[in-house]
Amino acid sequence: MQTFLSNLSDLWEVVLAALVFGAGLPAIFAYGVRCRAAVDSGASGTTRQLNQALSALCFAVVMIAAVVGVVFIARGFLADRLGIHLLGA
């Protein structure tokens, strides 16, 4: 019973990661595309500037997450071969 409860308590971490990386990043990217489309369709004034800023922010978040993911996967290689210790390697 203790093993079951331990596994159940760790399940929320897996569910949270799946929601963030499995659905969250594509949703952020889609929102960025939507904001960029509003800029390209002829928005003007404050609306245009706000949509440009939001689209840039969304794309930056997705790019940072992608780079951190690649570095996380390659952290062992970077530590062994190059002596660069990142993300707890």
PDB file of N, CA and C in Angstrom:
ATOM      1  N   MET A   1       0.820  -1.187   0.000  1.00  0.00           N
ATOM      2  CA  MET A   1       0.000   0.000   0.000  1.00  0.00           C
ATOM      3  C   MET A   1       0.872   1.261   0.000  1.00  0.00           C
ATOM      4  N   GLN A   2       1.997   1.182   0.704  1.00  0.00           N
ATOM      5  CA  GLN A   2       2.902   2.327   0.758  1.00  0.00           C
ATOM      6  C   GLN A   2       3.457   2.648  -0.624  1.00  0.00           C
ATOM      7  N   THR A   3       3.775   1.625  -1.412  1.00  0.00           N
ATOM      8  CA  THR A   3       4.292   1.840  -2.762  1.00  0.00           C
ATOM      9  C   THR A   3       3.250   2.514  -3.635  1.00  0.00           C
ATOM     10  N   PHE A   4       2.010   2.098  -3.511  1.00  0.00           N
ATOM     11  CA  PHE A   4       0.931   2.692  -4.287  1.00  0.00           C
ATOM     12  C   PHE A   4       0.771   4.175  -3.950  1.00  0.00           C
ATOM     13  N   LEU A   5       0.787   4.507  -2.668  1.00  0.00           N
ATOM     14  CA  LEU A   5       0.647   5.902  -2.262  1.00  0.00           C
ATOM     15  C   LEU A   5       1.848   6.728  -2.696  1.00  0.00           C
ATOM     16  N   SER A   6       3.027   6.140  -2.654  1.00  0.00           N
ATOM     17  CA  SER A   6       4.221   6.850  -3.118  1.00  0.00           C
ATOM     18  C   SER A   6       4.137   7.127  -4.610  1.00  0.00           C
ATOM     19  N   ASN A   7       3.721   6.132  -5.376  1.00  0.00           N
ATOM     20  CA  ASN A   7       3.560   6.320  -6.820  1.00  0.00           C
ATOM     21  C   ASN A   7       2.473   7.336  -7.125  1.00  0.00           C
ATOM     22  N   LEU A   8       1.410   7.316  -6.369  1.00  0.00           N
ATOM     23  CA  LEU A   8       0.316   8.253  -6.575  1.00  0.00           C
ATOM     24  C   LEU A   8       0.741   9.680  -6.249  1.00  0.00           C
ATOM     25  N   SER A   9       1.570   9.840  -5.238  1.00  0.00           N
ATOM     26  CA  SER A   9       2.023  11.188  -4.886  1.00  0.00           C
ATOM     27  C   SER A   9       2.993  11.739  -5.938  1.00  0.00           C
ATOM     28  N   ASP A  10       3.733  10.872  -6.628  1.00  0.00           N
ATOM     29  CA  ASP A  10       4.641  11.324  -7.684  1.00  0.00           C
ATOM     30  C   ASP A  10       3.938  11.517  -9.019  1.00  0.00           C
ATOM     31  N   LEU A  11       2.741  11.031  -9.130  1.00  0.00           N
ATOM     32  CA  LEU A  11       2.007  11.136 -10.386  1.00  0.00           C
ATOM     33  C   LEU A  11       1.696  12.581 -10.757  1.00  0.00           C
ATOM     34  N   TRP A  12       1.469  13.450  -9.794  1.00  0.00           N
ATOM     35  CA  TRP A  12       1.142  14.839 -10.103  1.00  0.00           C
ATOM     36  C   TRP A  12       2.290  15.525 -10.821  1.00  0.00           C
ATOM     37  N   GLU A  13       3.535  15.157 -10.516  1.00  0.00           N
ATOM     38  CA  GLU A  13       4.674  15.761 -11.203  1.00  0.00           C
ATOM     39  C   GLU A  13       4.688  15.386 -12.680  1.00  0.00           C
ATOM     40  N   VAL A  14       4.376  14.131 -12.958  1.00  0.00           N
ATOM     41  CA  VAL A  14       4.335  13.675 -14.341  1.00  0.00           C
ATOM     42  C   VAL A  14       3.185  14.344 -15.094  1.00  0.00           C
ATOM     43  N   VAL A  15       2.043  14.456 -14.468  1.00  0.00           N
ATOM     44  CA  VAL A  15       0.893  15.103 -15.096  1.00  0.00           C
ATOM     45  C   VAL A  15       1.180  16.578 -15.355  1.00  0.00           C
ATOM     46  N   LEU A  16       1.809  17.249 -14.422  1.00  0.00           N
ATOM     47  CA  LEU A  16       2.141  18.662 -14.599  1.00  0.00           C
ATOM     48  C   LEU A  16       3.130  18.848 -15.752  1.00  0.00           C
ATOM     49  N   ALA A  17       4.148  18.021 -15.816  1.00  0.00           N
ATOM     50  CA  ALA A  17       5.118  18.116 -16.914  1.00  0.00           C
ATOM     51  C   ALA A  17       4.457  17.835 -18.259  1.00  0.00           C
ATOM     52  N   ALA A  18       3.560  16.867 -18.299  1.00  0.00           N
ATOM     53  CA  ALA A  18       2.861  16.555 -19.547  1.00  0.00           C
ATOM     54  C   ALA A  18       1.976  17.718 -19.989  1.00  0.00           C
ATOM     55  N   LEU A  19       1.327  18.365 -19.047  1.00  0.00           N
ATOM     56  CA  LEU A  19       0.479  19.506 -19.407  1.00  0.00           C
ATOM     57  C   LEU A  19       1.310  20.689 -19.886  1.00  0.00           C
ATOM     58  N   VAL A  20       2.420  20.950 -19.219  1.00  0.00           N
ATOM     59  CA  VAL A  20       3.242  22.100 -19.595  1.00  0.00           C
ATOM     60  C   VAL A  20       3.909  21.875 -20.941  1.00  0.00           C
ATOM     61  N   PHE A  21       4.581  20.741 -21.098  1.00  0.00           N
ATOM     62  CA  PHE A  21       5.349  20.516 -22.316  1.00  0.00           C
ATOM     63  C   PHE A  21       4.526  19.876 -23.431  1.00  0.00           C
ATOM     64  N   GLY A  22       3.517  19.131 -23.076  1.00  0.00           N
ATOM     65  CA  GLY A  22       2.717  18.467 -24.093  1.00  0.00           C
ATOM     66  C   GLY A  22       1.617  19.332 -24.662  1.00  0.00           C
ATOM     67  N   ALA A  23       1.052  20.198 -23.859  1.00  0.00           N
ATOM     68  CA  ALA A  23      -0.035  21.052 -24.324  1.00  0.00           C
ATOM     69  C   ALA A  23       0.252  22.529 -24.114  1.00  0.00           C
ATOM     70  N   GLY A  24       1.037  22.866 -23.131  1.00  0.00           N
ATOM     71  CA  GLY A  24       1.275  24.266 -22.800  1.00  0.00           C
ATOM     72  C   GLY A  24       2.113  25.003 -23.829  1.00  0.00           C
ATOM     73  N   LEU A  25       3.245  24.435 -24.219  1.00  0.00           N
ATOM     74  CA  LEU A  25       4.102  25.113 -25.188  1.00  0.00           C
ATOM     75  C   LEU A  25       3.453  25.251 -26.559  1.00  0.00           C
ATOM     76  N   PRO A  26       2.793  24.215 -27.079  1.00  0.00           N
ATOM     77  CA  PRO A  26       2.089  24.429 -28.354  1.00  0.00           C
ATOM     78  C   PRO A  26       0.974  25.470 -28.251  1.00  0.00           C
ATOM     79  N   ALA A  27       0.323  25.551 -27.105  1.00  0.00           N
ATOM     80  CA  ALA A  27      -0.723  26.567 -26.931  1.00  0.00           C
ATOM     81  C   ALA A  27      -0.121  27.969 -26.903  1.00  0.00           C
ATOM     82  N   ILE A  28       1.025  28.122 -26.245  1.00  0.00           N
ATOM     83  CA  ILE A  28       1.703  29.426 -26.225  1.00  0.00           C
ATOM     84  C   ILE A  28       2.145  29.808 -27.627  1.00  0.00           C
ATOM     85  N   PHE A  29       2.686  28.847 -28.369  1.00  0.00           N
ATOM     86  CA  PHE A  29       3.107  29.111 -29.743  1.00  0.00           C
ATOM     87  C   PHE A  29       1.906  29.512 -30.604  1.00  0.00           C
ATOM     88  N   ALA A  30       0.790  28.811 -30.457  1.00  0.00           N
ATOM     89  CA  ALA A  30      -0.410  29.130 -31.233  1.00  0.00           C
ATOM     90  C   ALA A  30      -0.922  30.529 -30.901  1.00  0.00           C
ATOM     91  N   TYR A  31      -0.850  30.915 -29.646  1.00  0.00           N
ATOM     92  CA  TYR A  31      -1.267  32.266 -29.275  1.00  0.00           C
ATOM     93  C   TYR A  31      -0.343  33.310 -29.888  1.00  0.00           C
ATOM     94  N   GLY A  32       0.943  33.003 -29.944  1.00  0.00           N
ATOM     95  CA  GLY A  32       1.891  33.906 -30.595  1.00  0.00           C
ATOM     96  C   GLY A  32       1.601  34.070 -32.074  1.00  0.00           C
ATOM     97  N   VAL A  33       1.247  32.976 -32.737  1.00  0.00           N
ATOM     98  CA  VAL A  33       0.891  33.039 -34.156  1.00  0.00           C
ATOM     99  C   VAL A  33      -0.381  33.867 -34.339  1.00  0.00           C
ATOM    100  N   ARG A  34      -1.324  33.691 -33.435  1.00  0.00           N
ATOM    101  CA  ARG A  34      -2.571  34.460 -33.523  1.00  0.00           C
ATOM    102  C   ARG A  34      -2.323  35.961 -33.352  1.00  0.00           C
ATOM    103  N   CYS A  35      -1.469  36.309 -32.402  1.00  0.00           N
ATOM    104  CA  CYS A  35      -1.130  37.732 -32.211  1.00  0.00           C
ATOM    105  C   CYS A  35      -0.390  38.275 -33.423  1.00  0.00           C
ATOM    106  N   ARG A  36       0.495  37.485 -33.986  1.00  0.00           N
ATOM    107  CA  ARG A  36       1.238  37.937 -35.165  1.00  0.00           C
ATOM    108  C   ARG A  36       0.296  38.104 -36.362  1.00  0.00           C
ATOM    109  N   ALA A  37      -0.692  37.235 -36.481  1.00  0.00           N
ATOM    110  CA  ALA A  37      -1.657  37.361 -37.572  1.00  0.00           C
ATOM    111  C   ALA A  37      -2.469  38.643 -37.440  1.00  0.00           C
ATOM    112  N   ALA A  38      -2.761  39.039 -36.212  1.00  0.00           N
ATOM    113  CA  ALA A  38      -3.489  40.296 -36.003  1.00  0.00           C
ATOM    114  C   ALA A  38      -2.648  41.485 -36.442  1.00  0.00           C
ATOM    115  N   VAL A  39      -1.342  41.404 -36.228  1.00  0.00           N
ATOM    116  CA  VAL A  39      -0.448  42.478 -36.668  1.00  0.00           C
ATOM    117  C   VAL A  39      -0.410  42.522 -38.189  1.00  0.00           C
ATOM    118  N   ASP A  40      -0.305  41.365 -38.817  1.00  0.00           N
ATOM    119  CA  ASP A  40      -0.197  41.303 -40.276  1.00  0.00           C
ATOM    120  C   ASP A  40      -1.502  41.641 -40.988  1.00  0.00           C
ATOM    121  N   SER A  41      -2.625  41.546 -40.284  1.00  0.00           N
ATOM    122  CA  SER A  41      -3.899  41.818 -40.937  1.00  0.00           C
ATOM    123  C   SER A  41      -4.265  43.302 -40.939  1.00  0.00           C
ATOM    124  N   GLY A  42      -3.419  44.126 -40.373  1.00  0.00           N
ATOM    125  CA  GLY A  42      -3.662  45.557 -40.479  1.00  0.00           C
ATOM    126  C   GLY A  42      -4.039  46.255 -39.201  1.00  0.00           C
ATOM    127  N   ALA A  43      -3.722  45.689 -38.057  1.00  0.00           N
ATOM    128  CA  ALA A  43      -3.996  46.383 -36.795  1.00  0.00           C
ATOM    129  C   ALA A  43      -3.127  47.632 -36.721  1.00  0.00           C
ATOM    130  N   SER A  44      -3.623  48.621 -36.014  1.00  0.00           N
ATOM    131  CA  SER A  44      -2.866  49.871 -35.939  1.00  0.00           C
ATOM    132  C   SER A  44      -2.867  50.390 -34.510  1.00  0.00           C
ATOM    133  N   GLY A  45      -1.930  51.284 -34.241  1.00  0.00           N
ATOM    134  CA  GLY A  45      -1.876  51.952 -32.951  1.00  0.00           C
ATOM    135  C   GLY A  45      -1.431  51.041 -31.824  1.00  0.00           C
ATOM    136  N   THR A  46      -2.088  51.199 -30.691  1.00  0.00           N
ATOM    137  CA  THR A  46      -1.735  50.456 -29.485  1.00  0.00           C
ATOM    138  C   THR A  46      -1.983  48.960 -29.654  1.00  0.00           C
ATOM    139  N   THR A  47      -3.023  48.592 -30.388  1.00  0.00           N
ATOM    140  CA  THR A  47      -3.325  47.179 -30.610  1.00  0.00           C
ATOM    141  C   THR A  47      -2.192  46.498 -31.356  1.00  0.00           C
ATOM    142  N   ARG A  48      -1.647  47.165 -32.345  1.00  0.00           N
ATOM    143  CA  ARG A  48      -0.533  46.596 -33.110  1.00  0.00           C
ATOM    144  C   ARG A  48       0.695  46.399 -32.222  1.00  0.00           C
ATOM    145  N   GLN A  49       1.014  47.402 -31.426  1.00  0.00           N
ATOM    146  CA  GLN A  49       2.188  47.297 -30.557  1.00  0.00           C
ATOM    147  C   GLN A  49       2.016  46.215 -29.496  1.00  0.00           C
ATOM    148  N   LEU A  50       0.822  46.117 -28.945  1.00  0.00           N
ATOM    149  CA  LEU A  50       0.551  45.089 -27.943  1.00  0.00           C
ATOM    150  C   LEU A  50       0.658  43.698 -28.553  1.00  0.00           C
ATOM    151  N   ASN A  51       0.082  43.510 -29.739  1.00  0.00           N
ATOM    152  CA  ASN A  51       0.157  42.208 -30.390  1.00  0.00           C
ATOM    153  C   ASN A  51       1.583  41.854 -30.787  1.00  0.00           C
ATOM    154  N   GLN A  52       2.369  42.830 -31.214  1.00  0.00           N
ATOM    155  CA  GLN A  52       3.766  42.562 -31.529  1.00  0.00           C
ATOM    156  C   GLN A  52       4.535  42.127 -30.284  1.00  0.00           C
ATOM    157  N   ALA A  53       4.299  42.804 -29.183  1.00  0.00           N
ATOM    158  CA  ALA A  53       4.990  42.461 -27.935  1.00  0.00           C
ATOM    159  C   ALA A  53       4.569  41.081 -27.432  1.00  0.00           C
ATOM    160  N   LEU A  54       3.286  40.794 -27.495  1.00  0.00           N
ATOM    161  CA  LEU A  54       2.806  39.490 -27.040  1.00  0.00           C
ATOM    162  C   LEU A  54       3.327  38.358 -27.915  1.00  0.00           C
ATOM    163  N   SER A  55       3.346  38.572 -29.223  1.00  0.00           N
ATOM    164  CA  SER A  55       3.854  37.510 -30.104  1.00  0.00           C
ATOM    165  C   SER A  55       5.338  37.285 -29.871  1.00  0.00           C
ATOM    166  N   ALA A  56       6.107  38.365 -29.691  1.00  0.00           N
ATOM    167  CA  ALA A  56       7.538  38.210 -29.416  1.00  0.00           C
ATOM    168  C   ALA A  56       7.766  37.481 -28.093  1.00  0.00           C
ATOM    169  N   LEU A  57       6.972  37.808 -27.082  1.00  0.00           N
ATOM    170  CA  LEU A  57       7.099  37.151 -25.786  1.00  0.00           C
ATOM    171  C   LEU A  57       6.769  35.663 -25.891  1.00  0.00           C
ATOM    172  N   CYS A  58       5.697  35.331 -26.598  1.00  0.00           N
ATOM    173  CA  CYS A  58       5.310  33.923 -26.763  1.00  0.00           C
ATOM    174  C   CYS A  58       6.397  33.139 -27.490  1.00  0.00           C
ATOM    175  N   PHE A  59       6.924  33.698 -28.568  1.00  0.00           N
ATOM    176  CA  PHE A  59       7.963  33.007 -29.318  1.00  0.00           C
ATOM    177  C   PHE A  59       9.245  32.874 -28.500  1.00  0.00           C
ATOM    178  N   ALA A  60       9.558  33.879 -27.692  1.00  0.00           N
ATOM    179  CA  ALA A  60      10.751  33.809 -26.845  1.00  0.00           C
ATOM    180  C   ALA A  60      10.617  32.712 -25.792  1.00  0.00           C
ATOM    181  N   VAL A  61       9.443  32.594 -25.195  1.00  0.00           N
ATOM    182  CA  VAL A  61       9.217  31.546 -24.187  1.00  0.00           C
ATOM    183  C   VAL A  61       9.387  30.166 -24.810  1.00  0.00           C
ATOM    184  N   VAL A  62       8.832  29.969 -25.994  1.00  0.00           N
ATOM    185  CA  VAL A  62       8.935  28.666 -26.660  1.00  0.00           C
ATOM    186  C   VAL A  62      10.384  28.375 -27.041  1.00  0.00           C
ATOM    187  N   MET A  63      11.101  29.371 -27.556  1.00  0.00           N
ATOM    188  CA  MET A  63      12.494  29.163 -27.933  1.00  0.00           C
ATOM    189  C   MET A  63      13.367  28.860 -26.710  1.00  0.00           C
ATOM    190  N   ILE A  64      13.158  29.565 -25.618  1.00  0.00           N
ATOM    191  CA  ILE A  64      13.931  29.301 -24.404  1.00  0.00           C
ATOM    192  C   ILE A  64      13.653  27.896 -23.885  1.00  0.00           C
ATOM    193  N   ALA A  65      12.399  27.481 -23.911  1.00  0.00           N
ATOM    194  CA  ALA A  65      12.063  26.129 -23.467  1.00  0.00           C
ATOM    195  C   ALA A  65      12.714  25.073 -24.357  1.00  0.00           C
ATOM    196  N   ALA A  66      12.772  25.320 -25.660  1.00  0.00           N
ATOM    197  CA  ALA A  66      13.405  24.368 -26.567  1.00  0.00           C
ATOM    198  C   ALA A  66      14.904  24.279 -26.310  1.00  0.00           C
ATOM    199  N   VAL A  67      15.555  25.413 -26.120  1.00  0.00           N
ATOM    200  CA  VAL A  67      17.002  25.413 -25.865  1.00  0.00           C
ATOM    201  C   VAL A  67      17.315  24.740 -24.529  1.00  0.00           C
ATOM    202  N   VAL A  68      16.537  25.031 -23.506  1.00  0.00           N
ATOM    203  CA  VAL A  68      16.753  24.393 -22.205  1.00  0.00           C
ATOM    204  C   VAL A  68      16.521  22.883 -22.312  1.00  0.00           C
ATOM    205  N   GLY A  69      15.553  22.463 -23.087  1.00  0.00           N
ATOM    206  CA  GLY A  69      15.316  21.036 -23.278  1.00  0.00           C
ATOM    207  C   GLY A  69      16.477  20.340 -23.966  1.00  0.00           C
ATOM    208  N   VAL A  70      17.030  20.968 -24.980  1.00  0.00           N
ATOM    209  CA  VAL A  70      18.180  20.379 -25.674  1.00  0.00           C
ATOM    210  C   VAL A  70      19.391  20.319 -24.752  1.00  0.00           C
ATOM    211  N   VAL A  71      19.632  21.388 -24.003  1.00  0.00           N
ATOM    212  CA  VAL A  71      20.759  21.405 -23.067  1.00  0.00           C
ATOM    213  C   VAL A  71      20.554  20.365 -21.972  1.00  0.00           C
ATOM    214  N   PHE A  72      19.323  20.186 -21.514  1.00  0.00           N
ATOM    215  CA  PHE A  72      19.033  19.178 -20.494  1.00  0.00           C
ATOM    216  C   PHE A  72      19.340  17.773 -21.010  1.00  0.00           C
ATOM    217  N   ILE A  73      18.982  17.518 -22.252  1.00  0.00           N
ATOM    218  CA  ILE A  73      19.249  16.202 -22.832  1.00  0.00           C
ATOM    219  C   ILE A  73      20.747  15.992 -23.032  1.00  0.00           C
ATOM    220  N   ALA A  74      21.456  17.034 -23.421  1.00  0.00           N
ATOM    221  CA  ALA A  74      22.881  16.916 -23.731  1.00  0.00           C
ATOM    222  C   ALA A  74      23.779  17.238 -22.549  1.00  0.00           C
ATOM    223  N   ARG A  75      23.242  17.394 -21.358  1.00  0.00           N
ATOM    224  CA  ARG A  75      24.065  17.827 -20.232  1.00  0.00           C
ATOM    225  C   ARG A  75      25.154  16.830 -19.877  1.00  0.00           C
ATOM    226  N   GLY A  76      24.897  15.540 -20.003  1.00  0.00           N
ATOM    227  CA  GLY A  76      25.923  14.540 -19.727  1.00  0.00           C
ATOM    228  C   GLY A  76      27.072  14.626 -20.709  1.00  0.00           C
ATOM    229  N   PHE A  77      26.761  14.775 -21.980  1.00  0.00           N
ATOM    230  CA  PHE A  77      27.790  14.928 -23.010  1.00  0.00           C
ATOM    231  C   PHE A  77      28.610  16.190 -22.778  1.00  0.00           C
ATOM    232  N   LEU A  78      27.920  17.284 -22.488  1.00  0.00           N
ATOM    233  CA  LEU A  78      28.621  18.547 -22.254  1.00  0.00           C
ATOM    234  C   LEU A  78      29.547  18.452 -21.042  1.00  0.00           C
ATOM    235  N   ALA A  79      29.117  17.752 -20.010  1.00  0.00           N
ATOM    236  CA  ALA A  79      29.938  17.617 -18.809  1.00  0.00           C
ATOM    237  C   ALA A  79      31.133  16.705 -19.059  1.00  0.00           C
ATOM    238  N   ASP A  80      30.925  15.578 -19.740  1.00  0.00           N
ATOM    239  CA  ASP A  80      32.005  14.615 -19.963  1.00  0.00           C
ATOM    240  C   ASP A  80      33.022  15.098 -20.984  1.00  0.00           C
ATOM    241  N   ARG A  81      32.550  15.578 -22.092  1.00  0.00           N
ATOM    242  CA  ARG A  81      33.457  15.899 -23.199  1.00  0.00           C
ATOM    243  C   ARG A  81      34.030  17.307 -23.152  1.00  0.00           C
ATOM    244  N   LEU A  82      33.215  18.259 -22.717  1.00  0.00           N
ATOM    245  CA  LEU A  82      33.650  19.653 -22.768  1.00  0.00           C
ATOM    246  C   LEU A  82      33.904  20.279 -21.406  1.00  0.00           C
ATOM    247  N   GLY A  83      33.519  19.591 -20.353  1.00  0.00           N
ATOM    248  CA  GLY A  83      33.724  20.125 -19.010  1.00  0.00           C
ATOM    249  C   GLY A  83      32.762  21.236 -18.630  1.00  0.00           C
ATOM    250  N   ILE A  84      31.650  21.339 -19.352  1.00  0.00           N
ATOM    251  CA  ILE A  84      30.645  22.356 -19.063  1.00  0.00           C
ATOM    252  C   ILE A  84      29.544  21.697 -18.227  1.00  0.00           C
ATOM    253  N   HIS A  85      29.382  22.129 -17.006  1.00  0.00           N
ATOM    254  CA  HIS A  85      28.401  21.532 -16.113  1.00  0.00           C
ATOM    255  C   HIS A  85      27.182  22.438 -16.015  1.00  0.00           C
ATOM    256  N   LEU A  86      26.106  22.021 -16.658  1.00  0.00           N
ATOM    257  CA  LEU A  86      24.855  22.770 -16.679  1.00  0.00           C
ATOM    258  C   LEU A  86      23.721  21.903 -16.162  1.00  0.00           C
ATOM    259  N   LEU A  87      22.772  22.513 -15.516  1.00  0.00           N
ATOM    260  CA  LEU A  87      21.530  21.873 -15.085  1.00  0.00           C
ATOM    261  C   LEU A  87      21.783  20.636 -14.233  1.00  0.00           C
ATOM    262  N   GLY A  88      22.729  20.706 -13.353  1.00  0.00           N
ATOM    263  CA  GLY A  88      22.978  19.629 -12.402  1.00  0.00           C
ATOM    264  C   GLY A  88      23.751  18.456 -12.935  1.00  0.00           C
ATOM    265  N   ALA A  89      24.525  18.636 -13.987  1.00  0.00           N
ATOM    266  CA  ALA A  89      25.311  17.529 -14.536  1.00  0.00           C
ATOM    267  C   ALA A  89      26.565  17.328 -13.725  1.00  0.00           C
TER     268      ALA A  89
END
